[in-house]
Amino acid sequence: MKNKIAKAVISSIMGVEPKDIMVLDLDTDFAVVYYLVGNEKIKYKVKSTGSKAVWGTLGGRWRDHELESTISFREIQDELLISEKFTDGSLINNTFTLKDL
């Protein structure tokens, strides 16, 4: 499930279709995902705990500062709901079918 959450989080934040996101299978407590822009791999890391997820660029910092958006997720039957809440109180929700992740 860690890989599906990671794909859905990056898809939601970056606006990339889940089918275009690949997951590197590493033995870590976070998932590494990437997608291609031209010939360049854009790589991110995603860590999930409970119903919260944190992301960052691979080799960069985690996006967990208090002034940054927070990411939560919830599995509802065969779907995964990703919610991004911004510091101004606004919220963006994206729903993904588990089989598409």
N, C-alpha and C. Protein backbone atom coordinates (compact mmCIF):
# COMPACT_ATOMS: atom_id res chain seq x y z
N MET A 1 0.82 -1.20 0.00
CA MET A 1 0.00 0.00 0.00
C MET A 1 0.87 1.26 0.00
N LYS A 2 2.07 1.18 0.59
CA LYS A 2 2.98 2.32 0.63
C LYS A 2 3.23 2.88 -0.77
N ASN A 3 3.41 2.01 -1.73
CA ASN A 3 3.68 2.45 -3.10
C ASN A 3 2.46 3.12 -3.73
N LYS A 4 1.29 2.59 -3.47
CA LYS A 4 0.06 3.20 -4.02
C LYS A 4 -0.17 4.58 -3.43
N ILE A 5 0.06 4.71 -2.13
CA ILE A 5 -0.09 6.01 -1.48
C ILE A 5 0.90 7.00 -2.08
N ALA A 6 2.14 6.58 -2.27
CA ALA A 6 3.17 7.45 -2.83
C ALA A 6 2.79 7.93 -4.23
N LYS A 7 2.34 7.02 -5.07
CA LYS A 7 1.92 7.40 -6.42
C LYS A 7 0.76 8.39 -6.39
N ALA A 8 -0.21 8.14 -5.54
CA ALA A 8 -1.37 9.01 -5.46
C ALA A 8 -0.99 10.40 -4.93
N VAL A 9 -0.11 10.45 -3.94
CA VAL A 9 0.32 11.75 -3.38
C VAL A 9 1.02 12.58 -4.44
N ILE A 10 1.99 12.00 -5.13
CA ILE A 10 2.74 12.76 -6.14
C ILE A 10 1.84 13.11 -7.32
N SER A 11 0.97 12.21 -7.71
CA SER A 11 0.02 12.51 -8.78
C SER A 11 -0.85 13.70 -8.42
N SER A 12 -1.34 13.70 -7.19
CA SER A 12 -2.21 14.77 -6.72
C SER A 12 -1.48 16.11 -6.66
N ILE A 13 -0.29 16.12 -6.11
CA ILE A 13 0.47 17.37 -5.93
C ILE A 13 1.01 17.91 -7.24
N MET A 14 1.56 17.03 -8.06
CA MET A 14 2.26 17.46 -9.27
C MET A 14 1.38 17.46 -10.52
N GLY A 15 0.19 16.87 -10.44
CA GLY A 15 -0.70 16.85 -11.59
C GLY A 15 -0.27 15.89 -12.68
N VAL A 16 0.44 14.84 -12.29
CA VAL A 16 0.91 13.82 -13.23
C VAL A 16 0.00 12.60 -13.11
N GLU A 17 -0.36 12.02 -14.23
CA GLU A 17 -1.20 10.82 -14.21
C GLU A 17 -0.49 9.69 -13.47
N PRO A 18 -1.19 8.94 -12.62
CA PRO A 18 -0.56 7.84 -11.89
C PRO A 18 0.12 6.82 -12.81
N LYS A 19 -0.43 6.59 -13.99
CA LYS A 19 0.17 5.61 -14.91
C LYS A 19 1.55 6.05 -15.38
N ASP A 20 1.86 7.35 -15.27
CA ASP A 20 3.15 7.86 -15.70
C ASP A 20 4.18 7.91 -14.58
N ILE A 21 3.78 7.50 -13.37
CA ILE A 21 4.67 7.53 -12.21
C ILE A 21 5.15 6.12 -11.91
N MET A 22 6.45 5.98 -11.75
CA MET A 22 7.06 4.69 -11.44
C MET A 22 7.56 4.71 -10.00
N VAL A 23 7.53 3.54 -9.35
CA VAL A 23 8.00 3.41 -7.98
C VAL A 23 9.26 2.56 -7.98
N LEU A 24 10.31 3.07 -7.33
CA LEU A 24 11.53 2.29 -7.16
C LEU A 24 11.35 1.43 -5.92
N ASP A 25 11.63 0.15 -6.03
CA ASP A 25 11.43 -0.77 -4.92
C ASP A 25 12.69 -0.77 -4.05
N LEU A 26 12.66 0.06 -3.02
CA LEU A 26 13.78 0.15 -2.09
C LEU A 26 13.33 -0.30 -0.71
N ASP A 27 14.26 -0.85 0.04
CA ASP A 27 13.93 -1.31 1.39
C ASP A 27 14.15 -0.16 2.38
N THR A 28 13.24 0.81 2.34
CA THR A 28 13.32 1.98 3.21
C THR A 28 11.95 2.23 3.84
N ASP A 29 11.91 3.16 4.76
CA ASP A 29 10.62 3.49 5.38
C ASP A 29 9.84 4.50 4.55
N PHE A 30 10.36 4.85 3.39
CA PHE A 30 9.66 5.75 2.48
C PHE A 30 9.75 5.21 1.06
N ALA A 31 8.85 5.64 0.21
CA ALA A 31 8.83 5.21 -1.19
C ALA A 31 9.53 6.27 -2.04
N VAL A 32 10.22 5.83 -3.06
CA VAL A 32 10.84 6.72 -4.04
C VAL A 32 10.09 6.56 -5.35
N VAL A 33 9.58 7.66 -5.86
CA VAL A 33 8.82 7.64 -7.11
C VAL A 33 9.44 8.62 -8.09
N TYR A 34 9.20 8.37 -9.37
CA TYR A 34 9.70 9.29 -10.38
C TYR A 34 8.79 9.28 -11.60
N TYR A 35 8.91 10.33 -12.37
CA TYR A 35 8.28 10.39 -13.68
C TYR A 35 9.22 11.11 -14.61
N LEU A 36 9.01 10.96 -15.90
CA LEU A 36 9.90 11.54 -16.90
C LEU A 36 9.35 12.85 -17.44
N VAL A 37 10.23 13.81 -17.57
CA VAL A 37 9.95 15.05 -18.29
C VAL A 37 11.04 15.12 -19.35
N GLY A 38 10.66 14.81 -20.59
CA GLY A 38 11.67 14.65 -21.63
C GLY A 38 12.51 13.44 -21.28
N ASN A 39 13.82 13.64 -21.19
CA ASN A 39 14.73 12.55 -20.82
C ASN A 39 15.14 12.62 -19.35
N GLU A 40 14.59 13.55 -18.59
CA GLU A 40 14.98 13.74 -17.20
C GLU A 40 14.00 13.05 -16.25
N LYS A 41 14.55 12.31 -15.28
CA LYS A 41 13.74 11.69 -14.25
C LYS A 41 13.55 12.70 -13.12
N ILE A 42 12.31 13.00 -12.79
CA ILE A 42 11.99 13.87 -11.66
C ILE A 42 11.66 12.94 -10.50
N LYS A 43 12.49 12.97 -9.43
CA LYS A 43 12.37 11.99 -8.35
C LYS A 43 11.89 12.64 -7.06
N TYR A 44 11.00 11.93 -6.38
CA TYR A 44 10.45 12.37 -5.10
C TYR A 44 10.50 11.22 -4.10
N LYS A 45 10.38 11.57 -2.84
CA LYS A 45 10.25 10.58 -1.78
C LYS A 45 8.95 10.87 -1.05
N VAL A 46 8.28 9.81 -0.60
CA VAL A 46 7.00 9.95 0.11
C VAL A 46 7.02 8.99 1.30
N LYS A 47 6.67 9.54 2.45
CA LYS A 47 6.60 8.75 3.67
C LYS A 47 5.18 8.87 4.22
N SER A 48 4.60 7.74 4.62
CA SER A 48 3.24 7.77 5.17
C SER A 48 3.24 7.12 6.55
N THR A 49 2.50 7.78 7.46
CA THR A 49 2.34 7.28 8.82
C THR A 49 0.90 7.53 9.23
N GLY A 50 0.22 6.48 9.67
CA GLY A 50 -1.19 6.64 10.02
C GLY A 50 -1.97 7.08 8.80
N SER A 51 -2.61 8.23 8.87
CA SER A 51 -3.36 8.76 7.73
C SER A 51 -2.70 10.00 7.14
N LYS A 52 -1.44 10.25 7.49
CA LYS A 52 -0.71 11.42 7.01
C LYS A 52 0.42 10.99 6.08
N ALA A 53 0.74 11.86 5.13
CA ALA A 53 1.86 11.61 4.22
C ALA A 53 2.70 12.88 4.12
N VAL A 54 3.99 12.70 3.95
CA VAL A 54 4.92 13.80 3.76
C VAL A 54 5.74 13.47 2.52
N TRP A 55 6.07 14.49 1.74
CA TRP A 55 6.82 14.27 0.52
C TRP A 55 8.00 15.24 0.47
N GLY A 56 8.90 14.98 -0.44
CA GLY A 56 10.04 15.87 -0.69
C GLY A 56 10.72 15.44 -1.96
N THR A 57 11.60 16.28 -2.46
CA THR A 57 12.39 15.88 -3.60
C THR A 57 13.47 14.92 -3.11
N LEU A 58 13.80 13.93 -3.91
CA LEU A 58 14.83 12.97 -3.52
C LEU A 58 16.14 13.72 -3.40
N GLY A 59 16.78 13.59 -2.27
CA GLY A 59 18.01 14.32 -2.01
C GLY A 59 17.76 15.68 -1.38
N GLY A 60 16.49 16.06 -1.26
CA GLY A 60 16.12 17.35 -0.67
C GLY A 60 15.41 17.15 0.66
N ARG A 61 14.87 18.21 1.16
CA ARG A 61 14.22 18.16 2.48
C ARG A 61 12.79 17.65 2.37
N TRP A 62 12.27 17.17 3.49
CA TRP A 62 10.87 16.78 3.59
C TRP A 62 10.04 18.05 3.64
N ARG A 63 8.90 18.06 3.01
CA ARG A 63 7.99 19.22 2.99
C ARG A 63 7.06 19.14 4.20
N ASP A 64 7.65 19.35 5.38
CA ASP A 64 6.89 19.21 6.62
C ASP A 64 6.95 20.44 7.51
N HIS A 65 7.30 21.58 6.94
CA HIS A 65 7.34 22.82 7.70
C HIS A 65 5.91 23.26 8.02
N GLU A 66 5.72 23.91 9.13
CA GLU A 66 4.37 24.31 9.56
C GLU A 66 3.67 25.25 8.59
N LEU A 67 4.41 25.93 7.73
CA LEU A 67 3.79 26.84 6.75
C LEU A 67 3.51 26.18 5.41
N GLU A 68 3.78 24.88 5.31
CA GLU A 68 3.50 24.15 4.07
C GLU A 68 2.21 23.36 4.20
N SER A 69 1.68 22.96 3.08
CA SER A 69 0.45 22.18 3.09
C SER A 69 0.67 20.84 3.79
N THR A 70 -0.43 20.28 4.29
CA THR A 70 -0.38 18.95 4.90
C THR A 70 -1.17 17.99 4.02
N ILE A 71 -0.70 16.77 3.95
CA ILE A 71 -1.30 15.75 3.10
C ILE A 71 -1.87 14.65 4.00
N SER A 72 -3.11 14.29 3.73
CA SER A 72 -3.70 13.15 4.41
C SER A 72 -4.32 12.23 3.36
N PHE A 73 -4.56 10.99 3.76
CA PHE A 73 -5.15 10.03 2.82
C PHE A 73 -6.11 9.13 3.58
N ARG A 74 -7.03 8.57 2.81
CA ARG A 74 -8.02 7.66 3.38
C ARG A 74 -8.44 6.68 2.31
N GLU A 75 -8.45 5.41 2.67
CA GLU A 75 -8.92 4.37 1.76
C GLU A 75 -10.42 4.19 1.97
N ILE A 76 -11.16 4.31 0.88
CA ILE A 76 -12.61 4.14 0.92
C ILE A 76 -12.97 3.09 -0.12
N GLN A 77 -13.28 1.89 0.34
CA GLN A 77 -13.58 0.74 -0.51
C GLN A 77 -12.42 0.53 -1.49
N ASP A 78 -12.63 0.74 -2.78
CA ASP A 78 -11.57 0.49 -3.77
C ASP A 78 -10.94 1.79 -4.25
N GLU A 79 -11.01 2.83 -3.43
CA GLU A 79 -10.46 4.13 -3.81
C GLU A 79 -9.55 4.68 -2.71
N LEU A 80 -8.67 5.57 -3.12
CA LEU A 80 -7.77 6.26 -2.19
C LEU A 80 -8.02 7.76 -2.35
N LEU A 81 -8.41 8.41 -1.27
CA LEU A 81 -8.66 9.84 -1.27
C LEU A 81 -7.44 10.55 -0.72
N ILE A 82 -6.88 11.48 -1.50
CA ILE A 82 -5.75 12.30 -1.08
C ILE A 82 -6.27 13.71 -0.84
N SER A 83 -6.00 14.25 0.35
CA SER A 83 -6.43 15.61 0.70
C SER A 83 -5.19 16.45 1.01
N GLU A 84 -5.12 17.60 0.37
CA GLU A 84 -4.03 18.54 0.63
C GLU A 84 -4.64 19.80 1.23
N LYS A 85 -4.27 20.10 2.48
CA LYS A 85 -4.80 21.26 3.17
C LYS A 85 -3.70 22.32 3.26
N PHE A 86 -4.06 23.53 2.83
CA PHE A 86 -3.11 24.64 2.80
C PHE A 86 -3.26 25.50 4.05
N THR A 87 -2.25 26.29 4.34
CA THR A 87 -2.25 27.10 5.56
C THR A 87 -3.35 28.16 5.57
N ASP A 88 -3.89 28.50 4.40
CA ASP A 88 -4.99 29.47 4.36
C ASP A 88 -6.35 28.81 4.61
N GLY A 89 -6.33 27.49 4.86
CA GLY A 89 -7.55 26.76 5.14
C GLY A 89 -8.17 26.09 3.93
N SER A 90 -7.70 26.40 2.73
CA SER A 90 -8.27 25.78 1.54
C SER A 90 -7.83 24.31 1.45
N LEU A 91 -8.61 23.55 0.71
CA LEU A 91 -8.43 22.11 0.64
C LEU A 91 -8.61 21.63 -0.79
N ILE A 92 -7.74 20.73 -1.22
CA ILE A 92 -7.88 20.08 -2.53
C ILE A 92 -7.97 18.58 -2.28
N ASN A 93 -8.99 17.94 -2.83
CA ASN A 93 -9.18 16.49 -2.72
C ASN A 93 -9.05 15.86 -4.10
N ASN A 94 -8.36 14.74 -4.15
CA ASN A 94 -8.27 13.94 -5.37
C ASN A 94 -8.51 12.48 -4.99
N THR A 95 -9.30 11.80 -5.81
CA THR A 95 -9.63 10.40 -5.55
C THR A 95 -9.06 9.53 -6.67
N PHE A 96 -8.45 8.42 -6.27
CA PHE A 96 -7.83 7.49 -7.21
C PHE A 96 -8.39 6.10 -6.98
N THR A 97 -8.64 5.37 -8.04
CA THR A 97 -9.05 3.98 -7.94
C THR A 97 -7.80 3.16 -7.65
N LEU A 98 -7.86 2.30 -6.66
CA LEU A 98 -6.68 1.52 -6.25
C LEU A 98 -6.09 0.72 -7.41
N LYS A 99 -6.93 0.17 -8.27
CA LYS A 99 -6.41 -0.63 -9.38
C LYS A 99 -5.63 0.21 -10.39
N ASP A 100 -5.85 1.52 -10.41
CA ASP A 100 -5.12 2.40 -11.32
C ASP A 100 -3.79 2.89 -10.76
N LEU A 101 -3.51 2.53 -9.53
CA LEU A 101 -2.26 3.01 -8.91
C LEU A 101 -1.16 1.99 -8.98
